[in-house]
C-alpha atoms as a PDB file:
ATOM      1  CA  UNK A   1      87.049 121.206 130.712  1.00  0.00           C
ATOM      2  CA  UNK A   2      90.651 121.050 129.215  1.00  0.00           C
ATOM      3  CA  UNK A   3      90.772 119.939 125.761  1.00  0.00           C
ATOM      4  CA  UNK A   4      92.392 116.401 125.221  1.00  0.00           C
ATOM      5  CA  UNK A   5      95.376 116.207 123.047  1.00  0.00           C
ATOM      6  CA  UNK A   6      96.703 113.322 120.953  1.00  0.00           C
ATOM      7  CA  UNK A   7     100.428 113.908 120.280  1.00  0.00           C
ATOM      8  CA  UNK A   8     103.185 112.212 118.506  1.00  0.00           C
ATOM      9  CA  UNK A   9     106.765 112.922 117.863  1.00  0.00           C
ATOM     10  CA  UNK A  10     107.052 112.841 114.157  1.00  0.00           C
ATOM     11  CA  UNK A  11     110.020 111.473 112.126  1.00  0.00           C
ATOM     12  CA  UNK A  12     112.718 110.134 114.852  1.00  0.00           C
ATOM     13  CA  UNK A  13     115.228 110.877 112.741  1.00  0.00           C
ATOM     14  CA  UNK A  14     114.921 114.742 113.332  1.00  0.00           C
ATOM     15  CA  UNK A  15     114.189 117.232 116.133  1.00  0.00           C
ATOM     16  CA  UNK A  16     110.556 116.000 116.978  1.00  0.00           C
ATOM     17  CA  UNK A  17     111.537 113.884 119.922  1.00  0.00           C
ATOM     18  CA  UNK A  18     113.417 116.773 121.613  1.00  0.00           C
ATOM     19  CA  UNK A  19     110.805 119.354 120.637  1.00  0.00           C
ATOM     20  CA  UNK A  20     108.037 116.894 122.570  1.00  0.00           C
ATOM     21  CA  UNK A  21     110.174 116.796 125.410  1.00  0.00           C
ATOM     22  CA  UNK A  22     110.713 120.361 125.567  1.00  0.00           C
ATOM     23  CA  UNK A  23     107.204 121.386 125.128  1.00  0.00           C
ATOM     24  CA  UNK A  24     105.928 119.086 127.519  1.00  0.00           C
ATOM     25  CA  UNK A  25     108.538 119.863 130.294  1.00  0.00           C
ATOM     26  CA  UNK A  26     106.953 123.341 130.534  1.00  0.00           C
ATOM     27  CA  UNK A  27     104.228 123.025 133.406  1.00  0.00           C
ATOM     28  CA  UNK A  28     102.290 126.009 131.871  1.00  0.00           C
ATOM     29  CA  UNK A  29     102.028 123.996 128.762  1.00  0.00           C
ATOM     30  CA  UNK A  30     101.038 120.752 130.517  1.00  0.00           C
ATOM     31  CA  UNK A  31      98.247 122.671 132.344  1.00  0.00           C
ATOM     32  CA  UNK A  32      96.451 123.931 129.157  1.00  0.00           C
ATOM     33  CA  UNK A  33      95.314 120.402 128.017  1.00  0.00           C
ATOM     34  CA  UNK A  34      95.367 116.803 128.999  1.00  0.00           C
ATOM     35  CA  UNK A  35      97.793 115.033 126.834  1.00  0.00           C
ATOM     36  CA  UNK A  36      97.813 111.496 125.501  1.00  0.00           C
ATOM     37  CA  UNK A  37     101.629 110.825 124.030  1.00  0.00           C
ATOM     38  CA  UNK A  38     101.895 108.073 121.578  1.00  0.00           C
ATOM     39  CA  UNK A  39     105.272 107.051 121.217  1.00  0.00           C
ATOM     40  CA  UNK A  40     108.074 104.614 121.729  1.00  0.00           C
ATOM     41  CA  UNK A  41     109.662 104.632 125.247  1.00  0.00           C
ATOM     42  CA  UNK A  42     112.803 104.733 124.388  1.00  0.00           C
ATOM     43  CA  UNK A  43     112.320 107.642 122.227  1.00  0.00           C
ATOM     44  CA  UNK A  44     110.820 109.501 124.856  1.00  0.00           C
ATOM     45  CA  UNK A  45     113.322 108.975 127.123  1.00  0.00           C
ATOM     46  CA  UNK A  46     115.935 109.940 124.187  1.00  0.00           C
ATOM     47  CA  UNK A  47     114.438 113.055 123.486  1.00  0.00           C
ATOM     48  CA  UNK A  48     114.475 113.886 127.217  1.00  0.00           C
ATOM     49  CA  UNK A  49     117.996 113.376 127.377  1.00  0.00           C
ATOM     50  CA  UNK A  50     118.787 115.245 124.190  1.00  0.00           C
ATOM     51  CA  UNK A  51     116.581 118.296 125.339  1.00  0.00           C
ATOM     52  CA  UNK A  52     117.892 118.090 129.013  1.00  0.00           C
ATOM     53  CA  UNK A  53     114.216 118.118 130.125  1.00  0.00           C
ATOM     54  CA  UNK A  54     111.984 115.636 131.748  1.00  0.00           C
ATOM     55  CA  UNK A  55     108.309 115.634 132.297  1.00  0.00           C
ATOM     56  CA  UNK A  56     105.701 113.644 134.716  1.00  0.00           C
ATOM     57  CA  UNK A  57     104.134 110.639 132.730  1.00  0.00           C
ATOM     58  CA  UNK A  58     102.127 107.652 133.251  1.00  0.00           C
ATOM     59  CA  UNK A  59     101.911 104.515 131.013  1.00  0.00           C
ATOM     60  CA  UNK A  60      98.761 103.098 129.865  1.00  0.00           C
ATOM     61  CA  UNK A  61      98.337 100.082 127.864  1.00  0.00           C
ATOM     62  CA  UNK A  62      95.782 101.123 125.352  1.00  0.00           C
ATOM     63  CA  UNK A  63      94.093 104.332 124.217  1.00  0.00           C
ATOM     64  CA  UNK A  64      90.877 103.624 125.961  1.00  0.00           C
ATOM     65  CA  UNK A  65      92.585 103.895 129.201  1.00  0.00           C
ATOM     66  CA  UNK A  66      93.121 107.628 128.739  1.00  0.00           C
ATOM     67  CA  UNK A  67      91.813 109.547 131.600  1.00  0.00           C
ATOM     68  CA  UNK A  68      91.963 113.246 132.157  1.00  0.00           C
ATOM     69  CA  UNK A  69      95.045 113.628 134.532  1.00  0.00           C
ATOM     70  CA  UNK A  70      96.286 117.181 135.729  1.00  0.00           C
ATOM     71  CA  UNK A  71      99.784 115.771 136.950  1.00  0.00           C
ATOM     72  CA  UNK A  72     101.095 113.325 134.449  1.00  0.00           C
ATOM     73  CA  UNK A  73     101.200 113.301 130.616  1.00  0.00           C
ATOM     74  CA  UNK A  74      99.532 109.774 129.798  1.00  0.00           C
ATOM     75  CA  UNK A  75     102.031 107.796 127.624  1.00  0.00           C
ATOM     76  CA  UNK A  76     101.037 104.834 125.233  1.00  0.00           C
ATOM     77  CA  UNK A  77     104.288 102.858 124.636  1.00  0.00           C
ATOM     78  CA  UNK A  78     103.955 102.235 120.909  1.00  0.00           C
ATOM     79  CA  UNK A  79     106.057 101.838 117.941  1.00  0.00           C
ATOM     80  CA  UNK A  80     103.854 100.151 115.224  1.00  0.00           C
ATOM     81  CA  UNK A  81     105.603  98.140 112.862  1.00  0.00           C
ATOM     82  CA  UNK A  82     108.763  99.949 113.020  1.00  0.00           C
ATOM     83  CA  UNK A  83     111.986  98.259 114.599  1.00  0.00           C
ATOM     84  CA  UNK A  84     114.384 100.355 116.891  1.00  0.00           C
ATOM     85  CA  UNK A  85     116.803 101.442 116.995  1.00  0.00           C
ATOM     86  CA  UNK A  86     116.336 104.192 114.404  1.00  0.00           C
ATOM     87  CA  UNK A  87     118.512 105.734 112.220  1.00  0.00           C
ATOM     88  CA  UNK A  88     119.494 109.683 113.196  1.00  0.00           C
ATOM     89  CA  UNK A  89     119.393 112.422 110.722  1.00  0.00           C
ATOM     90  CA  UNK A  90     118.357 110.379 107.730  1.00  0.00           C
ATOM     91  CA  UNK A  91     115.307 109.285 106.105  1.00  0.00           C
ATOM     92  CA  UNK A  92     114.412 105.872 106.132  1.00  0.00           C
ATOM     93  CA  UNK A  93     111.739 103.259 105.799  1.00  0.00           C
ATOM     94  CA  UNK A  94     111.724 102.374 109.576  1.00  0.00           C
ATOM     95  CA  UNK A  95     111.003 106.272 110.525  1.00  0.00           C
ATOM     96  CA  UNK A  96     108.355 106.493 107.819  1.00  0.00           C
ATOM     97  CA  UNK A  97     106.490 103.683 109.346  1.00  0.00           C
ATOM     98  CA  UNK A  98     106.885 104.899 113.054  1.00  0.00           C
ATOM     99  CA  UNK A  99     105.699 108.287 112.116  1.00  0.00           C
ATOM    100  CA  UNK A 100     102.722 106.831 109.873  1.00  0.00           C
ATOM    101  CA  UNK A 101     101.813 104.423 112.601  1.00  0.00           C
ATOM    102  CA  UNK A 102     101.740 106.528 115.461  1.00  0.00           C
ATOM    103  CA  UNK A 103      99.759 109.074 113.655  1.00  0.00           C
ATOM    104  CA  UNK A 104      97.186 106.510 112.682  1.00  0.00           C
ATOM    105  CA  UNK A 105      96.638 105.804 116.353  1.00  0.00           C
ATOM    106  CA  UNK A 106      96.357 109.384 117.273  1.00  0.00           C
ATOM    107  CA  UNK A 107      93.539 109.694 114.374  1.00  0.00           C
ATOM    108  CA  UNK A 108      91.781 106.791 115.879  1.00  0.00           C
ATOM    109  CA  UNK A 109      91.665 108.210 119.465  1.00  0.00           C
ATOM    110  CA  UNK A 110      90.464 111.533 118.162  1.00  0.00           C
ATOM    111  CA  UNK A 111      87.813 110.084 115.795  1.00  0.00           C
ATOM    112  CA  UNK A 112      86.494 107.967 118.602  1.00  0.00           C
ATOM    113  CA  UNK A 113      86.154 110.907 121.077  1.00  0.00           C
ATOM    114  CA  UNK A 114      89.048 109.819 123.261  1.00  0.00           C
ATOM    115  CA  UNK A 115      90.989 113.113 122.641  1.00  0.00           C
ATOM    116  CA  UNK A 116      89.891 116.195 120.729  1.00  0.00           C
ATOM    117  CA  UNK A 117      92.660 117.285 118.524  1.00  0.00           C
ATOM    118  CA  UNK A 118      96.408 116.175 117.177  1.00  0.00           C
ATOM    119  CA  UNK A 119      99.517 117.625 117.511  1.00  0.00           C
ATOM    120  CA  UNK A 120     102.525 116.013 115.484  1.00  0.00           C
ATOM    121  CA  UNK A 121     106.408 116.676 115.618  1.00  0.00           C
ATOM    122  CA  UNK A 122     108.097 117.532 112.158  1.00  0.00           C
ATOM    123  CA  UNK A 123     107.464 115.093 109.474  1.00  0.00           C
ATOM    124  CA  UNK A 124     110.046 113.921 106.403  1.00  0.00           C
ATOM    125  CA  UNK A 125     108.251 113.277 103.304  1.00  0.00           C
ATOM    126  CA  UNK A 126     110.840 110.886 101.836  1.00  0.00           C
ATOM    127  CA  UNK A 127     110.666 108.768 105.147  1.00  0.00           C
ATOM    128  CA  UNK A 128     106.847 108.846 104.775  1.00  0.00           C
ATOM    129  CA  UNK A 129     106.890 107.629 101.254  1.00  0.00           C
ATOM    130  CA  UNK A 130     109.591 104.856 102.185  1.00  0.00           C
ATOM    131  CA  UNK A 131     107.253 103.917 104.791  1.00  0.00           C
ATOM    132  CA  UNK A 132     104.267 103.338 102.700  1.00  0.00           C
ATOM    133  CA  UNK A 133     102.746 106.379 101.888  1.00  0.00           C
ATOM    134  CA  UNK A 134     101.628 106.918  98.583  1.00  0.00           C
ATOM    135  CA  UNK A 135     100.155 110.620  98.515  1.00  0.00           C
ATOM    136  CA  UNK A 136     102.125 113.926  97.820  1.00  0.00           C
ATOM    137  CA  UNK A 137     101.553 114.802 101.578  1.00  0.00           C
ATOM    138  CA  UNK A 138     100.431 113.941 104.897  1.00  0.00           C
ATOM    139  CA  UNK A 139      97.618 116.131 104.519  1.00  0.00           C
ATOM    140  CA  UNK A 140      96.019 113.757 101.506  1.00  0.00           C
ATOM    141  CA  UNK A 141      97.118 110.764 103.593  1.00  0.00           C
ATOM    142  CA  UNK A 142      95.031 112.340 106.487  1.00  0.00           C
ATOM    143  CA  UNK A 143      92.126 112.760 104.404  1.00  0.00           C
ATOM    144  CA  UNK A 144      92.072 109.221 103.027  1.00  0.00           C
ATOM    145  CA  UNK A 145      92.337 107.512 106.412  1.00  0.00           C
ATOM    146  CA  UNK A 146      89.535 109.971 107.687  1.00  0.00           C
ATOM    147  CA  UNK A 147      87.189 108.981 104.466  1.00  0.00           C
ATOM    148  CA  UNK A 148      87.081 112.737 103.918  1.00  0.00           C
ATOM    149  CA  UNK A 149      86.071 113.639 100.413  1.00  0.00           C
ATOM    150  CA  UNK A 150      85.554 117.371 100.653  1.00  0.00           C
ATOM    151  CA  UNK A 151      87.724 120.350 100.072  1.00  0.00           C
ATOM    152  CA  UNK A 152      90.616 120.651 102.167  1.00  0.00           C
ATOM    153  CA  UNK A 153      94.140 122.887 102.148  1.00  0.00           C
ATOM    154  CA  UNK A 154      96.799 123.328 104.189  1.00  0.00           C
ATOM    155  CA  UNK A 155      96.819 126.611 106.494  1.00  0.00           C
ATOM    156  CA  UNK A 156     100.051 128.256 107.632  1.00  0.00           C
ATOM    157  CA  UNK A 157      99.743 130.557 110.501  1.00  0.00           C
ATOM    158  CA  UNK A 158     102.244 133.033 111.892  1.00  0.00           C
ATOM    159  CA  UNK A 159     100.745 135.064 114.722  1.00  0.00           C
ATOM    160  CA  UNK A 160      97.428 136.466 113.684  1.00  0.00           C
ATOM    161  CA  UNK A 161      98.306 136.030 110.174  1.00  0.00           C
ATOM    162  CA  UNK A 162      96.934 132.853 108.195  1.00  0.00           C
ATOM    163  CA  UNK A 163      97.719 131.606 104.522  1.00  0.00           C
ATOM    164  CA  UNK A 164      96.058 128.974 102.363  1.00  0.00           C
ATOM    165  CA  UNK A 165      97.172 128.054  98.876  1.00  0.00           C
ATOM    166  CA  UNK A 166      95.590 126.733  95.751  1.00  0.00           C
ATOM    167  CA  UNK A 167      98.406 124.315  94.659  1.00  0.00           C
ATOM    168  CA  UNK A 168     100.628 122.754  97.287  1.00  0.00           C
ATOM    169  CA  UNK A 169     102.921 119.698  97.243  1.00  0.00           C
ATOM    170  CA  UNK A 170     103.495 119.769  93.419  1.00  0.00           C
ATOM    171  CA  UNK A 171     106.252 120.350  90.902  1.00  0.00           C
ATOM    172  CA  UNK A 172     106.494 124.088  90.372  1.00  0.00           C
ATOM    173  CA  UNK A 173     106.269 123.422  86.559  1.00  0.00           C
ATOM    174  CA  UNK A 174     102.686 121.934  87.051  1.00  0.00           C
ATOM    175  CA  UNK A 175     101.150 124.399  89.371  1.00  0.00           C
ATOM    176  CA  UNK A 176     100.138 126.712  86.614  1.00  0.00           C
ATOM    177  CA  UNK A 177      98.011 124.465  84.942  1.00  0.00           C
ATOM    178  CA  UNK A 178      96.376 123.450  88.272  1.00  0.00           C
ATOM    179  CA  UNK A 179      95.262 127.142  88.838  1.00  0.00           C
ATOM    180  CA  UNK A 180      91.286 127.196  88.024  1.00  0.00           C
ATOM    181  CA  UNK A 181      88.536 129.475  89.123  1.00  0.00           C
ATOM    182  CA  UNK A 182      87.083 126.669  91.023  1.00  0.00           C
ATOM    183  CA  UNK A 183      90.135 126.030  92.956  1.00  0.00           C
ATOM    184  CA  UNK A 184      90.733 129.713  93.853  1.00  0.00           C
ATOM    185  CA  UNK A 185      87.260 130.224  95.026  1.00  0.00           C
ATOM    186  CA  UNK A 186      87.617 126.890  97.178  1.00  0.00           C
ATOM    187  CA  UNK A 187      90.874 128.015  98.791  1.00  0.00           C
ATOM    188  CA  UNK A 188      89.169 131.324  99.785  1.00  0.00           C
ATOM    189  CA  UNK A 189      86.141 129.811 100.915  1.00  0.00           C
ATOM    190  CA  UNK A 190      88.346 127.264 103.167  1.00  0.00           C
ATOM    191  CA  UNK A 191      90.457 130.165 104.998  1.00  0.00           C
ATOM    192  CA  UNK A 192      87.260 132.219 105.279  1.00  0.00           C
ATOM    193  CA  UNK A 193      85.608 129.517 107.295  1.00  0.00           C
ATOM    194  CA  UNK A 194      88.516 128.833 109.183  1.00  0.00           C
ATOM    195  CA  UNK A 195      89.363 132.273 110.227  1.00  0.00           C
ATOM    196  CA  UNK A 196      85.552 132.789 111.504  1.00  0.00           C
ATOM    197  CA  UNK A 197      85.687 129.698 113.478  1.00  0.00           C
ATOM    198  CA  UNK A 198      88.982 130.820 114.912  1.00  0.00           C
ATOM    199  CA  UNK A 199      86.956 134.041 116.321  1.00  0.00           C
ATOM    200  CA  UNK A 200      87.466 136.641 113.630  1.00  0.00           C
ATOM    201  CA  UNK A 201      84.068 137.689 112.679  1.00  0.00           C
ATOM    202  CA  UNK A 202      84.895 139.683 109.697  1.00  0.00           C
ATOM    203  CA  UNK A 203      87.925 138.325 107.897  1.00  0.00           C
ATOM    204  CA  UNK A 204      90.262 140.326 105.310  1.00  0.00           C
ATOM    205  CA  UNK A 205      91.275 138.136 102.681  1.00  0.00           C
ATOM    206  CA  UNK A 206      94.020 139.083  99.912  1.00  0.00           C
ATOM    207  CA  UNK A 207      94.438 136.987  96.899  1.00  0.00           C
ATOM    208  CA  UNK A 208      98.020 136.743  95.210  1.00  0.00           C
ATOM    209  CA  UNK A 209      98.568 136.604  91.528  1.00  0.00           C
ATOM    210  CA  UNK A 210     100.790 133.877  89.921  1.00  0.00           C
ATOM    211  CA  UNK A 211     103.079 136.357  87.742  1.00  0.00           C
ATOM    212  CA  UNK A 212     105.458 138.868  88.577  1.00  0.00           C
ATOM    213  CA  UNK A 213     103.584 142.132  88.320  1.00  0.00           C
ATOM    214  CA  UNK A 214     100.360 140.222  87.863  1.00  0.00           C
ATOM    215  CA  UNK A 215     101.678 139.799  84.296  1.00  0.00           C
ATOM    216  CA  UNK A 216     101.966 143.278  83.448  1.00  0.00           C
ATOM    217  CA  UNK A 217      98.595 143.441  81.427  1.00  0.00           C
ATOM    218  CA  UNK A 218      99.313 140.304  79.719  1.00  0.00           C
ATOM    219  CA  UNK A 219     102.804 140.948  78.623  1.00  0.00           C
ATOM    220  CA  UNK A 220     103.926 137.688  80.332  1.00  0.00           C
ATOM    221  CA  UNK A 221     101.115 135.755  81.454  1.00  0.00           C
ATOM    222  CA  UNK A 222      97.358 135.994  81.529  1.00  0.00           C
ATOM    223  CA  UNK A 223      96.450 133.851  84.731  1.00  0.00           C
ATOM    224  CA  UNK A 224      95.615 136.957  86.665  1.00  0.00           C
ATOM    225  CA  UNK A 225      93.061 138.494  83.492  1.00  0.00           C
ATOM    226  CA  UNK A 226      91.672 134.909  82.671  1.00  0.00           C
ATOM    227  CA  UNK A 227      91.308 132.740  86.136  1.00  0.00           C
ATOM    228  CA  UNK A 228      92.224 134.632  89.324  1.00  0.00           C
ATOM    229  CA  UNK A 229      90.771 138.002  88.809  1.00  0.00           C
ATOM    230  CA  UNK A 230      87.355 136.153  87.692  1.00  0.00           C
ATOM    231  CA  UNK A 231      87.652 133.968  90.510  1.00  0.00           C
ATOM    232  CA  UNK A 232      87.780 136.812  92.936  1.00  0.00           C
ATOM    233  CA  UNK A 233      84.887 138.583  91.884  1.00  0.00           C
ATOM    234  CA  UNK A 234      83.039 135.396  91.807  1.00  0.00           C
ATOM    235  CA  UNK A 235      84.029 134.900  95.252  1.00  0.00           C
ATOM    236  CA  UNK A 236      82.979 138.490  96.246  1.00  0.00           C
ATOM    237  CA  UNK A 237      79.871 137.743  94.348  1.00  0.00           C
ATOM    238  CA  UNK A 238      79.166 134.814  96.878  1.00  0.00           C
ATOM    239  CA  UNK A 239      79.577 137.296  99.965  1.00  0.00           C
ATOM    240  CA  UNK A 240      83.384 136.407 100.629  1.00  0.00           C
ATOM    241  CA  UNK A 241      85.483 138.903 101.745  1.00  0.00           C
ATOM    242  CA  UNK A 242      88.370 138.648  99.005  1.00  0.00           C
ATOM    243  CA  UNK A 243      90.473 141.341  97.494  1.00  0.00           C
ATOM    244  CA  UNK A 244      92.990 141.175  94.695  1.00  0.00           C
ATOM    245  CA  UNK A 245      94.862 139.659  92.910  1.00  0.00           C
ATOM    246  CA  UNK A 246      97.817 141.522  94.246  1.00  0.00           C
ATOM    247  CA  UNK A 247     101.502 141.189  93.469  1.00  0.00           C
ATOM    248  CA  UNK A 248     102.999 138.490  95.864  1.00  0.00           C
ATOM    249  CA  UNK A 249     106.188 140.300  96.266  1.00  0.00           C
ATOM    250  CA  UNK A 250     104.352 143.289  98.103  1.00  0.00           C
ATOM    251  CA  UNK A 251     101.078 141.944  99.448  1.00  0.00           C
ATOM    252  CA  UNK A 252     102.847 140.240 102.650  1.00  0.00           C
ATOM    253  CA  UNK A 253     104.313 143.661 103.719  1.00  0.00           C
ATOM    254  CA  UNK A 254     100.550 144.690 103.932  1.00  0.00           C
ATOM    255  CA  UNK A 255      99.495 141.735 105.572  1.00  0.00           C
ATOM    256  CA  UNK A 256     102.419 141.783 107.993  1.00  0.00           C
ATOM    257  CA  UNK A 257     101.386 145.391 108.855  1.00  0.00           C
ATOM    258  CA  UNK A 258      97.840 144.173 109.706  1.00  0.00           C
ATOM    259  CA  UNK A 259      95.892 145.148 106.574  1.00  0.00           C
ATOM    260  CA  UNK A 260      94.748 141.470 106.057  1.00  0.00           C
ATOM    261  CA  UNK A 261      93.959 138.758 108.181  1.00  0.00           C
ATOM    262  CA  UNK A 262      95.038 136.070 105.266  1.00  0.00           C
ATOM    263  CA  UNK A 263      96.658 135.678 102.107  1.00  0.00           C
ATOM    264  CA  UNK A 264      95.611 133.149  99.593  1.00  0.00           C
ATOM    265  CA  UNK A 265      98.642 131.960  97.534  1.00  0.00           C
ATOM    266  CA  UNK A 266      98.854 130.336  94.115  1.00  0.00           C
ATOM    267  CA  UNK A 267     101.606 127.889  95.111  1.00  0.00           C
ATOM    268  CA  UNK A 268     103.837 126.438  98.008  1.00  0.00           C
ATOM    269  CA  UNK A 269     107.033 128.578  98.140  1.00  0.00           C
ATOM    270  CA  UNK A 270     105.093 131.809  97.273  1.00  0.00           C
ATOM    271  CA  UNK A 271     103.482 131.926 100.777  1.00  0.00           C
ATOM    272  CA  UNK A 272     106.157 129.937 102.602  1.00  0.00           C
ATOM    273  CA  UNK A 273     109.038 132.003 102.131  1.00  0.00           C
ATOM    274  CA  UNK A 274     107.341 135.069 103.182  1.00  0.00           C
ATOM    275  CA  UNK A 275     105.892 133.541 106.464  1.00  0.00           C
ATOM    276  CA  UNK A 276     109.093 131.749 107.324  1.00  0.00           C
ATOM    277  CA  UNK A 277     110.882 135.122 107.101  1.00  0.00           C
ATOM    278  CA  UNK A 278     108.426 136.735 109.405  1.00  0.00           C
ATOM    279  CA  UNK A 279     108.674 134.142 111.955  1.00  0.00           C
ATOM    280  CA  UNK A 280     110.229 131.032 111.545  1.00  0.00           C
ATOM    281  CA  UNK A 281     110.314 129.858 115.060  1.00  0.00           C
ATOM    282  CA  UNK A 282     106.607 130.866 115.414  1.00  0.00           C
ATOM    283  CA  UNK A 283     105.084 129.202 112.283  1.00  0.00           C
ATOM    284  CA  UNK A 284     102.383 126.688 112.480  1.00  0.00           C
ATOM    285  CA  UNK A 285     100.682 124.400 109.711  1.00  0.00           C
ATOM    286  CA  UNK A 286      97.126 123.550 110.311  1.00  0.00           C
ATOM    287  CA  UNK A 287      95.417 120.506 108.062  1.00  0.00           C
ATOM    288  CA  UNK A 288      92.804 122.723 106.998  1.00  0.00           C
ATOM    289  CA  UNK A 289      89.120 121.717 106.088  1.00  0.00           C
ATOM    290  CA  UNK A 290      89.595 118.523 107.678  1.00  0.00           C
ATOM    291  CA  UNK A 291      87.009 117.041 110.443  1.00  0.00           C
ATOM    292  CA  UNK A 292      89.438 116.984 112.927  1.00  0.00           C
ATOM    293  CA  UNK A 293      91.981 119.484 114.548  1.00  0.00           C
ATOM    294  CA  UNK A 294      95.398 118.619 113.308  1.00  0.00           C
ATOM    295  CA  UNK A 295      98.299 121.048 113.839  1.00  0.00           C
ATOM    296  CA  UNK A 296     102.120 120.633 113.588  1.00  0.00           C
ATOM    297  CA  UNK A 297     105.012 123.243 113.518  1.00  0.00           C
ATOM    298  CA  UNK A 298     105.659 124.774 109.859  1.00  0.00           C
ATOM    299  CA  UNK A 299     109.303 124.034 109.916  1.00  0.00           C
ATOM    300  CA  UNK A 300     110.879 120.393 108.698  1.00  0.00           C
ATOM    301  CA  UNK A 301     112.814 117.865 110.776  1.00  0.00           C
ATOM    302  CA  UNK A 302     116.351 119.540 110.894  1.00  0.00           C
ATOM    303  CA  UNK A 303     118.401 116.655 110.207  1.00  0.00           C
ATOM    304  CA  UNK A 304     121.291 118.886 110.473  1.00  0.00           C
ATOM    305  CA  UNK A 305     120.964 119.703 113.997  1.00  0.00           C
ATOM    306  CA  UNK A 306     119.065 116.913 115.472  1.00  0.00           C
ATOM    307  CA  UNK A 307     120.266 115.036 118.483  1.00  0.00           C
ATOM    308  CA  UNK A 308     122.228 118.646 119.378  1.00  0.00           C
ATOM    309  CA  UNK A 309     119.798 119.439 121.779  1.00  0.00           C
ATOM    310  CA  UNK A 310     119.679 123.159 120.227  1.00  0.00           C
ATOM    311  CA  UNK A 311     116.193 122.848 118.290  1.00  0.00           C
ATOM    312  CA  UNK A 312     113.954 125.874 119.221  1.00  0.00           C
ATOM    313  CA  UNK A 313     110.750 124.613 120.527  1.00  0.00           C
ATOM    314  CA  UNK A 314     108.754 127.930 119.490  1.00  0.00           C
ATOM    315  CA  UNK A 315     106.612 126.570 116.822  1.00  0.00           C
ATOM    316  CA  UNK A 316     106.112 123.464 118.446  1.00  0.00           C
ATOM    317  CA  UNK A 317     104.758 125.415 121.541  1.00  0.00           C
ATOM    318  CA  UNK A 318     102.490 127.369 118.771  1.00  0.00           C
ATOM    319  CA  UNK A 319     101.355 124.387 117.263  1.00  0.00           C
ATOM    320  CA  UNK A 320     100.201 123.096 120.650  1.00  0.00           C
ATOM    321  CA  UNK A 321      98.669 126.187 121.659  1.00  0.00           C
ATOM    322  CA  UNK A 322      96.579 126.785 118.171  1.00  0.00           C
ATOM    323  CA  UNK A 323      95.280 122.867 118.798  1.00  0.00           C
ATOM    324  CA  UNK A 324      94.214 123.837 122.167  1.00  0.00           C
ATOM    325  CA  UNK A 325      92.335 126.777 121.093  1.00  0.00           C
ATOM    326  CA  UNK A 326      90.651 125.138 118.200  1.00  0.00           C
ATOM    327  CA  UNK A 327      89.562 122.050 120.449  1.00  0.00           C
ATOM    328  CA  UNK A 328      88.067 124.264 123.163  1.00  0.00           C
ATOM    329  CA  UNK A 329      86.109 126.129 120.318  1.00  0.00           C
ATOM    330  CA  UNK A 330      85.050 122.447 119.045  1.00  0.00           C
ATOM    331  CA  UNK A 331      86.178 123.451 115.441  1.00  0.00           C
ATOM    332  CA  UNK A 332      88.719 121.983 112.878  1.00  0.00           C
ATOM    333  CA  UNK A 333      88.298 124.483 110.253  1.00  0.00           C
ATOM    334  CA  UNK A 334      86.189 122.124 108.142  1.00  0.00           C
ATOM    335  CA  UNK A 335      83.239 123.452 106.630  1.00  0.00           C
END
């Protein structure tokens, strides 16, 4: 049986509508899954015009009308509390509301068993906060909507390499104080579980340090000595396949060359810069640890090129493929 994917466009001011149109115009992609597209009708048509693409679709009145259909994408015309027309290439309350409301319906469809996974187009955090999101990022919003209180973390995936991070969408000045042994071990556990559930029987996990050159024996920072190193040892004692800490400026070379399946980083850009340099058009973000499979391209809304029809849908396709694989296995990366 094909996986059933709930799909939303993300922020309408960005490249999401054209990426979705380009993805769904690919017959090979459509054959991978039965797709429920939750989107404003005019935004779907606009995305198709911008992308110079089209796809067969059939409108339904409510998510419970969704049925497997090998010939059509099933489209629920929905905009929630947002009111068109939508502004372009800028963060707005309206765009944030649209993104959040369509995601809420996708969550409803998936948690009630109508669909198996969610794929969404790029979001803009300023728009989301204007639209009513009080969290630092959408991952925490998802967790609250799901009533999930266990550990969770964004995973970034580029081809076969995964990353998790101990801190995420926080000010850089706050990150060091948030790095504890418990949080490092938790990040290792989360990505170990996700790797195994994605089909890697014996994961190889590298853990980054925080300071340049690992603090050079405590000369400029002791986090590696006092916190990260002991956390790695504690993780290994629990049977987790972790190694490190390693200097962040060299570990990704080894990981890129196949020595590791995953890297646990200490803060957002420590891993994101490396991953995006290795494959910006292939990167995927997985909302890891949650009881629902949720994926999205690892890049942003690209307001600077929105509406020009030049956006590359490579990462969108990778996110879709990842959701299909995880949904087919019946796994989310949750523990």
